[in-house]
């Protein structure tokens, strides 16, 4: 049985959530590997999520304490959005998906 994102909405067993915060890698992401192992061991589903914090990522005027520059300018925001799109695509290729909030 392939535990996919659509299964997560109808699943009544153990839901193993992996929250992508700063590390958007798949290949050498130790926390993600641990969550995958837990899901395999407990027969549950792995549910990858990412939650954007507007104060840290984009659309804010939050300044760095070091040099008073914006913590996230337009280029960085664009890079992050591309990285999340790439992450979602790679997860979908593995039969999963990504919840973005």
C-alpha atoms as a PDB file:
ATOM      1  CA  UNK A   1       0.000   0.000   0.000  1.00  0.00           C
ATOM      2  CA  UNK A   2       1.383   3.367  -1.022  1.00  0.00           C
ATOM      3  CA  UNK A   3       0.928   5.946   1.769  1.00  0.00           C
ATOM      4  CA  UNK A   4       0.205   9.101  -0.204  1.00  0.00           C
ATOM      5  CA  UNK A   5      -0.968  12.588   0.733  1.00  0.00           C
ATOM      6  CA  UNK A   6      -4.586  11.812  -0.156  1.00  0.00           C
ATOM      7  CA  UNK A   7      -4.467   8.851   2.224  1.00  0.00           C
ATOM      8  CA  UNK A   8      -3.516  11.200   5.073  1.00  0.00           C
ATOM      9  CA  UNK A   9      -6.922  12.890   5.007  1.00  0.00           C
ATOM     10  CA  UNK A  10      -8.759   9.575   5.423  1.00  0.00           C
ATOM     11  CA  UNK A  11      -6.216   7.774   7.607  1.00  0.00           C
ATOM     12  CA  UNK A  12      -7.201   6.720  11.113  1.00  0.00           C
ATOM     13  CA  UNK A  13      -3.809   5.360  12.238  1.00  0.00           C
ATOM     14  CA  UNK A  14      -0.579   7.065  13.249  1.00  0.00           C
ATOM     15  CA  UNK A  15       0.197  10.295  11.423  1.00  0.00           C
ATOM     16  CA  UNK A  16       3.934  11.072  11.365  1.00  0.00           C
ATOM     17  CA  UNK A  17       4.393  14.758  10.558  1.00  0.00           C
ATOM     18  CA  UNK A  18       7.677  16.074   9.242  1.00  0.00           C
ATOM     19  CA  UNK A  19       7.817  19.871   9.491  1.00  0.00           C
ATOM     20  CA  UNK A  20      10.262  21.363   7.004  1.00  0.00           C
ATOM     21  CA  UNK A  21      11.549  24.549   8.606  1.00  0.00           C
ATOM     22  CA  UNK A  22      15.029  25.573   7.467  1.00  0.00           C
ATOM     23  CA  UNK A  23      16.330  22.377   5.877  1.00  0.00           C
ATOM     24  CA  UNK A  24      14.503  21.728   2.599  1.00  0.00           C
ATOM     25  CA  UNK A  25      16.773  18.892   1.475  1.00  0.00           C
ATOM     26  CA  UNK A  26      15.565  15.337   0.933  1.00  0.00           C
ATOM     27  CA  UNK A  27      18.706  13.269   0.438  1.00  0.00           C
ATOM     28  CA  UNK A  28      20.651  13.930   3.633  1.00  0.00           C
ATOM     29  CA  UNK A  29      17.912  15.235   5.913  1.00  0.00           C
ATOM     30  CA  UNK A  30      18.363  13.258   9.150  1.00  0.00           C
ATOM     31  CA  UNK A  31      15.089  14.428  10.697  1.00  0.00           C
ATOM     32  CA  UNK A  32      13.147  13.381   7.598  1.00  0.00           C
ATOM     33  CA  UNK A  33      14.893   9.978   7.572  1.00  0.00           C
ATOM     34  CA  UNK A  34      13.936   9.514  11.228  1.00  0.00           C
ATOM     35  CA  UNK A  35      10.295  10.392  10.527  1.00  0.00           C
ATOM     36  CA  UNK A  36      10.250   7.969   7.575  1.00  0.00           C
ATOM     37  CA  UNK A  37      11.621   5.213   9.823  1.00  0.00           C
ATOM     38  CA  UNK A  38       8.961   5.954  12.441  1.00  0.00           C
ATOM     39  CA  UNK A  39       6.222   5.782   9.804  1.00  0.00           C
ATOM     40  CA  UNK A  40       7.531   2.424   8.578  1.00  0.00           C
ATOM     41  CA  UNK A  41       7.831   1.037  12.105  1.00  0.00           C
ATOM     42  CA  UNK A  42       4.380   2.113  13.281  1.00  0.00           C
ATOM     43  CA  UNK A  43       2.551   1.467  10.014  1.00  0.00           C
ATOM     44  CA  UNK A  44       1.656   5.118   9.793  1.00  0.00           C
ATOM     45  CA  UNK A  45       1.725   7.784   7.151  1.00  0.00           C
ATOM     46  CA  UNK A  46       4.437  10.376   6.631  1.00  0.00           C
ATOM     47  CA  UNK A  47       2.909  13.825   6.180  1.00  0.00           C
ATOM     48  CA  UNK A  48       5.433  16.473   5.052  1.00  0.00           C
ATOM     49  CA  UNK A  49       4.468  20.091   5.804  1.00  0.00           C
ATOM     50  CA  UNK A  50       5.999  23.539   5.589  1.00  0.00           C
ATOM     51  CA  UNK A  51       4.572  26.614   7.302  1.00  0.00           C
ATOM     52  CA  UNK A  52       5.710  30.037   6.167  1.00  0.00           C
ATOM     53  CA  UNK A  53       6.376  32.476   8.957  1.00  0.00           C
ATOM     54  CA  UNK A  54       5.821  35.864   7.335  1.00  0.00           C
ATOM     55  CA  UNK A  55       8.011  37.569   9.875  1.00  0.00           C
ATOM     56  CA  UNK A  56      11.002  35.448   8.817  1.00  0.00           C
ATOM     57  CA  UNK A  57      10.494  34.820   5.133  1.00  0.00           C
ATOM     58  CA  UNK A  58       8.747  37.414   3.027  1.00  0.00           C
ATOM     59  CA  UNK A  59       6.320  40.278   3.048  1.00  0.00           C
ATOM     60  CA  UNK A  60       7.673  41.842   6.193  1.00  0.00           C
ATOM     61  CA  UNK A  61       9.892  44.708   7.184  1.00  0.00           C
ATOM     62  CA  UNK A  62      11.795  42.725   9.811  1.00  0.00           C
ATOM     63  CA  UNK A  63      15.369  43.986   9.963  1.00  0.00           C
ATOM     64  CA  UNK A  64      18.550  42.140  10.845  1.00  0.00           C
ATOM     65  CA  UNK A  65      20.082  43.052  14.199  1.00  0.00           C
ATOM     66  CA  UNK A  66      23.557  43.021  12.660  1.00  0.00           C
ATOM     67  CA  UNK A  67      23.252  45.596   9.907  1.00  0.00           C
ATOM     68  CA  UNK A  68      19.613  46.749   9.787  1.00  0.00           C
ATOM     69  CA  UNK A  69      19.048  45.196   6.354  1.00  0.00           C
ATOM     70  CA  UNK A  70      15.854  43.314   5.536  1.00  0.00           C
ATOM     71  CA  UNK A  71      15.951  39.735   6.789  1.00  0.00           C
ATOM     72  CA  UNK A  72      14.391  38.586   3.553  1.00  0.00           C
ATOM     73  CA  UNK A  73      14.559  40.669   0.428  1.00  0.00           C
ATOM     74  CA  UNK A  74      12.852  39.913  -2.889  1.00  0.00           C
ATOM     75  CA  UNK A  75      15.685  37.719  -4.203  1.00  0.00           C
ATOM     76  CA  UNK A  76      15.751  35.538  -1.114  1.00  0.00           C
ATOM     77  CA  UNK A  77      11.951  35.273  -1.096  1.00  0.00           C
ATOM     78  CA  UNK A  78      12.047  34.165  -4.743  1.00  0.00           C
ATOM     79  CA  UNK A  79      14.768  31.604  -3.951  1.00  0.00           C
ATOM     80  CA  UNK A  80      12.754  30.186  -1.034  1.00  0.00           C
ATOM     81  CA  UNK A  81       9.580  29.902  -3.122  1.00  0.00           C
ATOM     82  CA  UNK A  82      11.524  28.081  -5.870  1.00  0.00           C
ATOM     83  CA  UNK A  83      13.089  25.755  -3.284  1.00  0.00           C
ATOM     84  CA  UNK A  84       9.654  24.891  -1.859  1.00  0.00           C
ATOM     85  CA  UNK A  85       8.273  24.232  -5.361  1.00  0.00           C
ATOM     86  CA  UNK A  86      11.256  21.958  -6.058  1.00  0.00           C
ATOM     87  CA  UNK A  87      10.753  20.159  -2.738  1.00  0.00           C
ATOM     88  CA  UNK A  88       7.072  19.588  -3.523  1.00  0.00           C
ATOM     89  CA  UNK A  89       7.934  18.272  -6.988  1.00  0.00           C
ATOM     90  CA  UNK A  90      10.545  15.855  -5.599  1.00  0.00           C
ATOM     91  CA  UNK A  91       8.178  14.600  -2.899  1.00  0.00           C
ATOM     92  CA  UNK A  92       5.450  14.036  -5.498  1.00  0.00           C
ATOM     93  CA  UNK A  93       7.905  12.008  -7.595  1.00  0.00           C
ATOM     94  CA  UNK A  94       8.336   9.778  -4.507  1.00  0.00           C
ATOM     95  CA  UNK A  95       4.574   9.289  -4.215  1.00  0.00           C
ATOM     96  CA  UNK A  96       4.061  11.860  -1.475  1.00  0.00           C
ATOM     97  CA  UNK A  97       3.393  15.581  -1.499  1.00  0.00           C
ATOM     98  CA  UNK A  98       3.796  18.676   0.605  1.00  0.00           C
ATOM     99  CA  UNK A  99       1.282  20.668   2.587  1.00  0.00           C
ATOM    100  CA  UNK A 100       2.158  24.377   2.422  1.00  0.00           C
ATOM    101  CA  UNK A 101       0.576  26.818   4.854  1.00  0.00           C
END
